[in-house]
Amino acid sequence: MQPTENTLDAIVEDDGLTLNELATLCAVDTEWLIVHIEEGILQPLPEHTHEWRFPSTALLRVKRIWVFERDFDAVPELAALAADMQEEISKLKRRLQLAGIE
């Protein structure tokens, strides 16, 4: 399923993605997302209490966790930890580049 114009608008405006939009953009089932939300691995935006909404940064996190689970048969908690470590490495590399070290 391809992202709709409304989905792209949500990302640009940073109004947050709905559960279905996030599932579509990441090519995962909504049930997979719900399980990971209920286990505390994924966190919706706190200001949207009537409906789960997600920041655009959730796209990369969901994709990384899904790939670790699929490709390495990782349990969700381990996949989330690996995704967190990848994000930290990316942040450190950006800081090194900004500092002119790398």
Foldseek 3Di string as FASTA:
>chain_A
DDQDPVLVVCQVVQVFAFLVSLCVLLVHDSVVVVVCVVVVLDDFDPVCPVGGGHGPVVNQLVNQLVCCCVVVVDDSVVSSVVSVVVVVVVVVVVVCVVVVND
